[in-house]
Amino acid sequence: MSARIYQRQKNAMQSGKALTDKWMLEFLPSEARKADPLMGWAGSGDTQVQVKLGFRSCEAAQAYAEKNGISFSVAGASPKKLKLQAYADNFR
């Protein structure tokens, strides 16, 4: 069982930064998805992919993974760039 630990990003559709301080532990798929012969929907027998756990800090998520014997990788948050632009720049 392996997992990925990452910090939640800001929603692109909203200006608020709620829940961006949370760290998530998400399990990686252990088997490939396959098409169902009757309906054609993609699915697999791996139910761990549906589980996402939230933590207050990266250290808490790492401690949980180590305690339960889960191999993990930590993905750092990407740097945030602000594009400062004046309203008058739209008319140049």
PDB file of N, CA and C in Angstrom:
ATOM      1  N   MET A   1       0.849  -1.172   0.000  1.00  0.00           N
ATOM      2  CA  MET A   1       0.000   0.000   0.000  1.00  0.00           C
ATOM      3  C   MET A   1       0.899   1.242   0.000  1.00  0.00           C
ATOM      4  N   SER A   2       0.668   2.140  -0.923  1.00  0.00           N
ATOM      5  CA  SER A   2       1.447   3.374  -0.977  1.00  0.00           C
ATOM      6  C   SER A   2       0.488   4.555  -1.057  1.00  0.00           C
ATOM      7  N   ALA A   3       0.976   5.705  -0.609  1.00  0.00           N
ATOM      8  CA  ALA A   3       0.117   6.886  -0.544  1.00  0.00           C
ATOM      9  C   ALA A   3       0.906   8.120  -0.948  1.00  0.00           C
ATOM     10  N   ARG A   4       0.164   9.178  -1.204  1.00  0.00           N
ATOM     11  CA  ARG A   4       0.752  10.474  -1.549  1.00  0.00           C
ATOM     12  C   ARG A   4       0.237  11.484  -0.541  1.00  0.00           C
ATOM     13  N   ILE A   5       1.140  12.285   0.017  1.00  0.00           N
ATOM     14  CA  ILE A   5       0.779  13.330   0.968  1.00  0.00           C
ATOM     15  C   ILE A   5       1.015  14.665   0.277  1.00  0.00           C
ATOM     16  N   TYR A   6      -0.010  15.511   0.273  1.00  0.00           N
ATOM     17  CA  TYR A   6       0.102  16.806  -0.390  1.00  0.00           C
ATOM     18  C   TYR A   6      -0.748  17.835   0.343  1.00  0.00           C
ATOM     19  N   GLN A   7      -0.449  19.102   0.085  1.00  0.00           N
ATOM     20  CA  GLN A   7      -1.222  20.198   0.664  1.00  0.00           C
ATOM     21  C   GLN A   7      -2.281  20.625  -0.338  1.00  0.00           C
ATOM     22  N   ARG A   8      -3.488  20.837   0.158  1.00  0.00           N
ATOM     23  CA  ARG A   8      -4.588  21.223  -0.726  1.00  0.00           C
ATOM     24  C   ARG A   8      -4.326  22.573  -1.366  1.00  0.00           C
ATOM     25  N   GLN A   9      -4.716  22.709  -2.601  1.00  0.00           N
ATOM     26  CA  GLN A   9      -4.569  23.956  -3.339  1.00  0.00           C
ATOM     27  C   GLN A   9      -5.862  24.755  -3.272  1.00  0.00           C
ATOM     28  N   LYS A  10      -5.744  26.032  -3.547  1.00  0.00           N
ATOM     29  CA  LYS A  10      -6.909  26.906  -3.581  1.00  0.00           C
ATOM     30  C   LYS A  10      -7.779  26.544  -4.778  1.00  0.00           C
ATOM     31  N   ASN A  11      -9.075  26.579  -4.569  1.00  0.00           N
ATOM     32  CA  ASN A  11     -10.008  26.310  -5.650  1.00  0.00           C
ATOM     33  C   ASN A  11      -9.899  27.419  -6.697  1.00  0.00           C
ATOM     34  N   ALA A  12      -9.811  27.063  -7.947  1.00  0.00           N
ATOM     35  CA  ALA A  12      -9.641  28.049  -9.014  1.00  0.00           C
ATOM     36  C   ALA A  12     -10.903  28.870  -9.252  1.00  0.00           C
ATOM     37  N   MET A  13     -12.041  28.388  -8.808  1.00  0.00           N
ATOM     38  CA  MET A  13     -13.304  29.068  -9.059  1.00  0.00           C
ATOM     39  C   MET A  13     -13.684  30.050  -7.945  1.00  0.00           C
ATOM     40  N   GLN A  14     -12.894  30.106  -6.870  1.00  0.00           N
ATOM     41  CA  GLN A  14     -13.215  30.983  -5.749  1.00  0.00           C
ATOM     42  C   GLN A  14     -11.976  31.751  -5.337  1.00  0.00           C
ATOM     43  N   SER A  15     -12.189  32.910  -4.740  1.00  0.00           N
ATOM     44  CA  SER A  15     -11.055  33.710  -4.314  1.00  0.00           C
ATOM     45  C   SER A  15     -10.631  33.387  -2.891  1.00  0.00           C
ATOM     46  N   GLY A  16     -11.471  32.709  -2.120  1.00  0.00           N
ATOM     47  CA  GLY A  16     -11.152  32.370  -0.735  1.00  0.00           C
ATOM     48  C   GLY A  16     -10.085  31.299  -0.640  1.00  0.00           C
ATOM     49  N   LYS A  17      -9.431  31.258   0.498  1.00  0.00           N
ATOM     50  CA  LYS A  17      -8.362  30.286   0.714  1.00  0.00           C
ATOM     51  C   LYS A  17      -8.720  29.302   1.825  1.00  0.00           C
ATOM     52  N   ALA A  18     -10.007  28.992   1.963  1.00  0.00           N
ATOM     53  CA  ALA A  18     -10.436  28.053   2.989  1.00  0.00           C
ATOM     54  C   ALA A  18      -9.895  26.660   2.693  1.00  0.00           C
ATOM     55  N   LEU A  19      -9.525  25.953   3.725  1.00  0.00           N
ATOM     56  CA  LEU A  19      -9.037  24.573   3.677  1.00  0.00           C
ATOM     57  C   LEU A  19      -7.696  24.406   2.955  1.00  0.00           C
ATOM     58  N   THR A  20      -6.997  25.491   2.641  1.00  0.00           N
ATOM     59  CA  THR A  20      -5.702  25.347   1.971  1.00  0.00           C
ATOM     60  C   THR A  20      -4.599  25.009   2.957  1.00  0.00           C
ATOM     61  N   ASP A  21      -4.872  25.093   4.246  1.00  0.00           N
ATOM     62  CA  ASP A  21      -3.860  24.745   5.235  1.00  0.00           C
ATOM     63  C   ASP A  21      -3.889  23.261   5.580  1.00  0.00           C
ATOM     64  N   LYS A  22      -4.846  22.502   5.042  1.00  0.00           N
ATOM     65  CA  LYS A  22      -4.958  21.070   5.308  1.00  0.00           C
ATOM     66  C   LYS A  22      -3.983  20.272   4.447  1.00  0.00           C
ATOM     67  N   TRP A  23      -3.510  19.178   5.007  1.00  0.00           N
ATOM     68  CA  TRP A  23      -2.678  18.226   4.282  1.00  0.00           C
ATOM     69  C   TRP A  23      -3.492  16.967   4.067  1.00  0.00           C
ATOM     70  N   MET A  24      -3.420  16.407   2.876  1.00  0.00           N
ATOM     71  CA  MET A  24      -4.218  15.243   2.511  1.00  0.00           C
ATOM     72  C   MET A  24      -3.324  14.024   2.300  1.00  0.00           C
ATOM     73  N   LEU A  25      -3.812  12.868   2.730  1.00  0.00           N
ATOM     74  CA  LEU A  25      -3.165  11.595   2.458  1.00  0.00           C
ATOM     75  C   LEU A  25      -4.105  10.835   1.535  1.00  0.00           C
ATOM     76  N   GLU A  26      -3.613  10.533   0.345  1.00  0.00           N
ATOM     77  CA  GLU A  26      -4.424   9.889  -0.696  1.00  0.00           C
ATOM     78  C   GLU A  26      -3.710   8.618  -1.145  1.00  0.00           C
ATOM     79  N   PHE A  27      -4.426   7.511  -1.147  1.00  0.00           N
ATOM     80  CA  PHE A  27      -3.832   6.236  -1.545  1.00  0.00           C
ATOM     81  C   PHE A  27      -3.704   6.161  -3.062  1.00  0.00           C
ATOM     82  N   LEU A  28      -2.614   5.574  -3.523  1.00  0.00           N
ATOM     83  CA  LEU A  28      -2.370   5.391  -4.946  1.00  0.00           C
ATOM     84  C   LEU A  28      -3.020   4.084  -5.396  1.00  0.00           C
ATOM     85  N   PRO A  29      -3.478   4.010  -6.632  1.00  0.00           N
ATOM     86  CA  PRO A  29      -4.138   2.779  -7.095  1.00  0.00           C
ATOM     87  C   PRO A  29      -3.159   1.605  -7.155  1.00  0.00           C
ATOM     88  N   SER A  30      -3.629   0.452  -6.686  1.00  0.00           N
ATOM     89  CA  SER A  30      -2.775  -0.735  -6.696  1.00  0.00           C
ATOM     90  C   SER A  30      -3.036  -1.623  -7.914  1.00  0.00           C
ATOM     91  N   GLU A  31      -4.132  -1.372  -8.614  1.00  0.00           N
ATOM     92  CA  GLU A  31      -4.405  -2.125  -9.844  1.00  0.00           C
ATOM     93  C   GLU A  31      -5.024  -1.187 -10.870  1.00  0.00           C
ATOM     94  N   ALA A  32      -4.878  -1.546 -12.123  1.00  0.00           N
ATOM     95  CA  ALA A  32      -5.387  -0.705 -13.208  1.00  0.00           C
ATOM     96  C   ALA A  32      -6.912  -0.811 -13.299  1.00  0.00           C
ATOM     97  N   ARG A  33      -7.518   0.253 -13.786  1.00  0.00           N
ATOM     98  CA  ARG A  33      -8.965   0.229 -14.019  1.00  0.00           C
ATOM     99  C   ARG A  33      -9.246  -0.537 -15.303  1.00  0.00           C
ATOM    100  N   LYS A  34     -10.383  -1.197 -15.327  1.00  0.00           N
ATOM    101  CA  LYS A  34     -10.770  -1.927 -16.520  1.00  0.00           C
ATOM    102  C   LYS A  34     -12.239  -1.657 -16.813  1.00  0.00           C
ATOM    103  N   ALA A  35     -12.597  -1.769 -18.058  1.00  0.00           N
ATOM    104  CA  ALA A  35     -13.973  -1.497 -18.472  1.00  0.00           C
ATOM    105  C   ALA A  35     -14.867  -2.672 -18.112  1.00  0.00           C
ATOM    106  N   ASP A  36     -16.041  -2.360 -17.585  1.00  0.00           N
ATOM    107  CA  ASP A  36     -17.039  -3.375 -17.275  1.00  0.00           C
ATOM    108  C   ASP A  36     -17.636  -3.874 -18.591  1.00  0.00           C
ATOM    109  N   PRO A  37     -17.729  -5.198 -18.801  1.00  0.00           N
ATOM    110  CA  PRO A  37     -18.220  -5.690 -20.093  1.00  0.00           C
ATOM    111  C   PRO A  37     -19.684  -5.346 -20.377  1.00  0.00           C
ATOM    112  N   LEU A  38     -20.511  -5.189 -19.340  1.00  0.00           N
ATOM    113  CA  LEU A  38     -21.921  -4.930 -19.559  1.00  0.00           C
ATOM    114  C   LEU A  38     -22.202  -3.445 -19.775  1.00  0.00           C
ATOM    115  N   MET A  39     -21.729  -2.604 -18.856  1.00  0.00           N
ATOM    116  CA  MET A  39     -22.052  -1.173 -18.903  1.00  0.00           C
ATOM    117  C   MET A  39     -20.970  -0.326 -19.557  1.00  0.00           C
ATOM    118  N   GLY A  40     -19.716  -0.800 -19.545  1.00  0.00           N
ATOM    119  CA  GLY A  40     -18.635  -0.037 -20.134  1.00  0.00           C
ATOM    120  C   GLY A  40     -17.999   0.962 -19.182  1.00  0.00           C
ATOM    121  N   TRP A  41     -18.453   0.992 -17.927  1.00  0.00           N
ATOM    122  CA  TRP A  41     -17.880   1.914 -16.951  1.00  0.00           C
ATOM    123  C   TRP A  41     -16.508   1.425 -16.522  1.00  0.00           C
ATOM    124  N   ALA A  42     -15.614   2.340 -16.244  1.00  0.00           N
ATOM    125  CA  ALA A  42     -14.283   1.973 -15.773  1.00  0.00           C
ATOM    126  C   ALA A  42     -14.344   1.761 -14.264  1.00  0.00           C
ATOM    127  N   GLY A  43     -13.746   0.678 -13.810  1.00  0.00           N
ATOM    128  CA  GLY A  43     -13.741   0.381 -12.385  1.00  0.00           C
ATOM    129  C   GLY A  43     -12.648  -0.604 -12.051  1.00  0.00           C
ATOM    130  N   SER A  44     -12.444  -0.800 -10.744  1.00  0.00           N
ATOM    131  CA  SER A  44     -11.461  -1.765 -10.282  1.00  0.00           C
ATOM    132  C   SER A  44     -11.908  -2.278  -8.917  1.00  0.00           C
ATOM    133  N   GLY A  45     -11.229  -3.280  -8.433  1.00  0.00           N
ATOM    134  CA  GLY A  45     -11.540  -3.842  -7.124  1.00  0.00           C
ATOM    135  C   GLY A  45     -10.821  -3.135  -6.004  1.00  0.00           C
ATOM    136  N   ASP A  46     -10.039  -2.124  -6.315  1.00  0.00           N
ATOM    137  CA  ASP A  46      -9.260  -1.396  -5.317  1.00  0.00           C
ATOM    138  C   ASP A  46     -10.124  -0.318  -4.672  1.00  0.00           C
ATOM    139  N   THR A  47     -10.536  -0.511  -3.420  1.00  0.00           N
ATOM    140  CA  THR A  47     -11.383   0.469  -2.742  1.00  0.00           C
ATOM    141  C   THR A  47     -10.587   1.508  -1.967  1.00  0.00           C
ATOM    142  N   GLN A  48      -9.283   1.314  -1.798  1.00  0.00           N
ATOM    143  CA  GLN A  48      -8.471   2.284  -1.061  1.00  0.00           C
ATOM    144  C   GLN A  48      -8.342   3.607  -1.812  1.00  0.00           C
ATOM    145  N   VAL A  49      -8.519   3.598  -3.110  1.00  0.00           N
ATOM    146  CA  VAL A  49      -8.395   4.819  -3.909  1.00  0.00           C
ATOM    147  C   VAL A  49      -9.462   5.838  -3.516  1.00  0.00           C
ATOM    148  N   GLN A  50     -10.586   5.363  -2.995  1.00  0.00           N
ATOM    149  CA  GLN A  50     -11.683   6.248  -2.621  1.00  0.00           C
ATOM    150  C   GLN A  50     -11.428   6.981  -1.304  1.00  0.00           C
ATOM    151  N   VAL A  51     -10.418   6.567  -0.548  1.00  0.00           N
ATOM    152  CA  VAL A  51     -10.161   7.126   0.776  1.00  0.00           C
ATOM    153  C   VAL A  51      -9.200   8.307   0.678  1.00  0.00           C
ATOM    154  N   LYS A  52      -9.612   9.448   1.249  1.00  0.00           N
ATOM    155  CA  LYS A  52      -8.745  10.625   1.370  1.00  0.00           C
ATOM    156  C   LYS A  52      -8.829  11.091   2.815  1.00  0.00           C
ATOM    157  N   LEU A  53      -7.688  11.166   3.482  1.00  0.00           N
ATOM    158  CA  LEU A  53      -7.642  11.567   4.876  1.00  0.00           C
ATOM    159  C   LEU A  53      -7.045  12.963   4.985  1.00  0.00           C
ATOM    160  N   GLY A  54      -7.619  13.803   5.834  1.00  0.00           N
ATOM    161  CA  GLY A  54      -7.130  15.166   6.035  1.00  0.00           C
ATOM    162  C   GLY A  54      -6.407  15.303   7.363  1.00  0.00           C
ATOM    163  N   PHE A  55      -5.317  16.073   7.375  1.00  0.00           N
ATOM    164  CA  PHE A  55      -4.521  16.302   8.579  1.00  0.00           C
ATOM    165  C   PHE A  55      -4.204  17.782   8.710  1.00  0.00           C
ATOM    166  N   ARG A  56      -3.894  18.207   9.923  1.00  0.00           N
ATOM    167  CA  ARG A  56      -3.565  19.615  10.172  1.00  0.00           C
ATOM    168  C   ARG A  56      -2.149  19.976   9.731  1.00  0.00           C
ATOM    169  N   SER A  57      -1.254  18.990   9.717  1.00  0.00           N
ATOM    170  CA  SER A  57       0.124  19.274   9.332  1.00  0.00           C
ATOM    171  C   SER A  57       0.706  18.099   8.553  1.00  0.00           C
ATOM    172  N   CYS A  58       1.801  18.366   7.888  1.00  0.00           N
ATOM    173  CA  CYS A  58       2.483  17.328   7.119  1.00  0.00           C
ATOM    174  C   CYS A  58       3.070  16.273   8.061  1.00  0.00           C
ATOM    175  N   GLU A  59       3.566  16.715   9.214  1.00  0.00           N
ATOM    176  CA  GLU A  59       4.155  15.800  10.174  1.00  0.00           C
ATOM    177  C   GLU A  59       3.115  14.821  10.724  1.00  0.00           C
ATOM    178  N   ALA A  60       1.885  15.293  10.925  1.00  0.00           N
ATOM    179  CA  ALA A  60       0.815  14.424  11.418  1.00  0.00           C
ATOM    180  C   ALA A  60       0.463  13.365  10.373  1.00  0.00           C
ATOM    181  N   ALA A  61       0.441  13.751   9.118  1.00  0.00           N
ATOM    182  CA  ALA A  61       0.147  12.798   8.044  1.00  0.00           C
ATOM    183  C   ALA A  61       1.266  11.766   7.926  1.00  0.00           C
ATOM    184  N   GLN A  62       2.509  12.207   8.041  1.00  0.00           N
ATOM    185  CA  GLN A  62       3.639  11.286   7.971  1.00  0.00           C
ATOM    186  C   GLN A  62       3.638  10.331   9.162  1.00  0.00           C
ATOM    187  N   ALA A  63       3.303  10.831  10.353  1.00  0.00           N
ATOM    188  CA  ALA A  63       3.247   9.978  11.539  1.00  0.00           C
ATOM    189  C   ALA A  63       2.165   8.914  11.393  1.00  0.00           C
ATOM    190  N   TYR A  64       1.012   9.284  10.836  1.00  0.00           N
ATOM    191  CA  TYR A  64      -0.064   8.321  10.606  1.00  0.00           C
ATOM    192  C   TYR A  64       0.382   7.233   9.637  1.00  0.00           C
ATOM    193  N   ALA A  65       1.043   7.641   8.553  1.00  0.00           N
ATOM    194  CA  ALA A  65       1.490   6.668   7.551  1.00  0.00           C
ATOM    195  C   ALA A  65       2.535   5.722   8.144  1.00  0.00           C
ATOM    196  N   GLU A  66       3.464   6.248   8.916  1.00  0.00           N
ATOM    197  CA  GLU A  66       4.499   5.403   9.512  1.00  0.00           C
ATOM    198  C   GLU A  66       3.906   4.459  10.547  1.00  0.00           C
ATOM    199  N   LYS A  67       2.937   4.946  11.318  1.00  0.00           N
ATOM    200  CA  LYS A  67       2.301   4.117  12.345  1.00  0.00           C
ATOM    201  C   LYS A  67       1.559   2.937  11.734  1.00  0.00           C
ATOM    202  N   ASN A  68       0.939   3.138  10.574  1.00  0.00           N
ATOM    203  CA  ASN A  68       0.155   2.096   9.919  1.00  0.00           C
ATOM    204  C   ASN A  68       0.918   1.342   8.834  1.00  0.00           C
ATOM    205  N   GLY A  69       2.211   1.594   8.687  1.00  0.00           N
ATOM    206  CA  GLY A  69       3.034   0.855   7.726  1.00  0.00           C
ATOM    207  C   GLY A  69       2.725   1.178   6.280  1.00  0.00           C
ATOM    208  N   ILE A  70       2.401   2.428   5.998  1.00  0.00           N
ATOM    209  CA  ILE A  70       2.072   2.856   4.644  1.00  0.00           C
ATOM    210  C   ILE A  70       3.284   3.580   4.067  1.00  0.00           C
ATOM    211  N   SER A  71       3.763   3.138   2.914  1.00  0.00           N
ATOM    212  CA  SER A  71       4.845   3.864   2.256  1.00  0.00           C
ATOM    213  C   SER A  71       4.239   5.114   1.607  1.00  0.00           C
ATOM    214  N   PHE A  72       4.958   6.217   1.687  1.00  0.00           N
ATOM    215  CA  PHE A  72       4.391   7.481   1.219  1.00  0.00           C
ATOM    216  C   PHE A  72       5.437   8.335   0.540  1.00  0.00           C
ATOM    217  N   SER A  73       4.956   9.300  -0.241  1.00  0.00           N
ATOM    218  CA  SER A  73       5.801  10.330  -0.831  1.00  0.00           C
ATOM    219  C   SER A  73       5.118  11.667  -0.571  1.00  0.00           C
ATOM    220  N   VAL A  74       5.918  12.676  -0.278  1.00  0.00           N
ATOM    221  CA  VAL A  74       5.390  14.004   0.036  1.00  0.00           C
ATOM    222  C   VAL A  74       5.566  14.900  -1.176  1.00  0.00           C
ATOM    223  N   ALA A  75       4.470  15.496  -1.622  1.00  0.00           N
ATOM    224  CA  ALA A  75       4.498  16.442  -2.740  1.00  0.00           C
ATOM    225  C   ALA A  75       4.319  17.838  -2.163  1.00  0.00           C
ATOM    226  N   GLY A  76       5.330  18.666  -2.303  1.00  0.00           N
ATOM    227  CA  GLY A  76       5.257  20.023  -1.788  1.00  0.00           C
ATOM    228  C   GLY A  76       4.326  20.896  -2.606  1.00  0.00           C
ATOM    229  N   ALA A  77       3.860  21.953  -1.983  1.00  0.00           N
ATOM    230  CA  ALA A  77       2.960  22.879  -2.676  1.00  0.00           C
ATOM    231  C   ALA A  77       3.758  23.707  -3.676  1.00  0.00           C
ATOM    232  N   SER A  78       3.146  23.976  -4.804  1.00  0.00           N
ATOM    233  CA  SER A  78       3.814  24.779  -5.817  1.00  0.00           C
ATOM    234  C   SER A  78       3.839  26.243  -5.382  1.00  0.00           C
ATOM    235  N   PRO A  79       4.883  26.988  -5.754  1.00  0.00           N
ATOM    236  CA  PRO A  79       4.938  28.399  -5.363  1.00  0.00           C
ATOM    237  C   PRO A  79       3.830  29.203  -6.032  1.00  0.00           C
ATOM    238  N   LYS A  80       3.273  30.121  -5.283  1.00  0.00           N
ATOM    239  CA  LYS A  80       2.176  30.929  -5.792  1.00  0.00           C
ATOM    240  C   LYS A  80       2.729  32.215  -6.396  1.00  0.00           C
ATOM    241  N   LYS A  81       2.353  32.488  -7.646  1.00  0.00           N
ATOM    242  CA  LYS A  81       2.795  33.696  -8.330  1.00  0.00           C
ATOM    243  C   LYS A  81       1.613  34.631  -8.490  1.00  0.00           C
ATOM    244  N   LEU A  82       1.815  35.880  -8.135  1.00  0.00           N
ATOM    245  CA  LEU A  82       0.785  36.884  -8.311  1.00  0.00           C
ATOM    246  C   LEU A  82       1.095  37.697  -9.558  1.00  0.00           C
ATOM    247  N   LYS A  83       0.093  37.896 -10.370  1.00  0.00           N
ATOM    248  CA  LYS A  83       0.256  38.720 -11.559  1.00  0.00           C
ATOM    249  C   LYS A  83      -0.385  40.071 -11.239  1.00  0.00           C
ATOM    250  N   LEU A  84       0.449  41.024 -10.879  1.00  0.00           N
ATOM    251  CA  LEU A  84      -0.050  42.341 -10.542  1.00  0.00           C
ATOM    252  C   LEU A  84      -0.274  43.130 -11.823  1.00  0.00           C
ATOM    253  N   GLN A  85      -1.485  43.581 -12.006  1.00  0.00           N
ATOM    254  CA  GLN A  85      -1.848  44.269 -13.233  1.00  0.00           C
ATOM    255  C   GLN A  85      -2.868  45.352 -12.908  1.00  0.00           C
ATOM    256  N   ALA A  86      -2.698  46.482 -13.498  1.00  0.00           N
ATOM    257  CA  ALA A  86      -3.642  47.582 -13.316  1.00  0.00           C
ATOM    258  C   ALA A  86      -4.800  47.427 -14.301  1.00  0.00           C
ATOM    259  N   TYR A  87      -5.930  47.992 -13.963  1.00  0.00           N
ATOM    260  CA  TYR A  87      -7.097  47.927 -14.835  1.00  0.00           C
ATOM    261  C   TYR A  87      -6.821  48.633 -16.163  1.00  0.00           C
ATOM    262  N   ALA A  88      -6.022  49.672 -16.132  1.00  0.00           N
ATOM    263  CA  ALA A  88      -5.713  50.433 -17.340  1.00  0.00           C
ATOM    264  C   ALA A  88      -4.903  49.611 -18.349  1.00  0.00           C
ATOM    265  N   ASP A  89      -4.225  48.562 -17.892  1.00  0.00           N
ATOM    266  CA  ASP A  89      -3.452  47.716 -18.792  1.00  0.00           C
ATOM    267  C   ASP A  89      -4.339  46.961 -19.780  1.00  0.00           C
ATOM    268  N   ASN A  90      -5.618  46.842 -19.504  1.00  0.00           N
ATOM    269  CA  ASN A  90      -6.540  46.155 -20.413  1.00  0.00           C
ATOM    270  C   ASN A  90      -6.783  46.947 -21.693  1.00  0.00           C
ATOM    271  N   PHE A  91      -6.472  48.232 -21.687  1.00  0.00           N
ATOM    272  CA  PHE A  91      -6.773  49.106 -22.820  1.00  0.00           C
ATOM    273  C   PHE A  91      -5.519  49.554 -23.556  1.00  0.00           C
ATOM    274  N   ARG A  92      -4.417  48.915 -23.367  1.00  0.00           N
ATOM    275  CA  ARG A  92      -3.170  49.303 -24.047  1.00  0.00           C
ATOM    276  C   ARG A  92      -2.956  48.487 -25.278  1.00  0.00           C
TER     277      ARG A  92
END
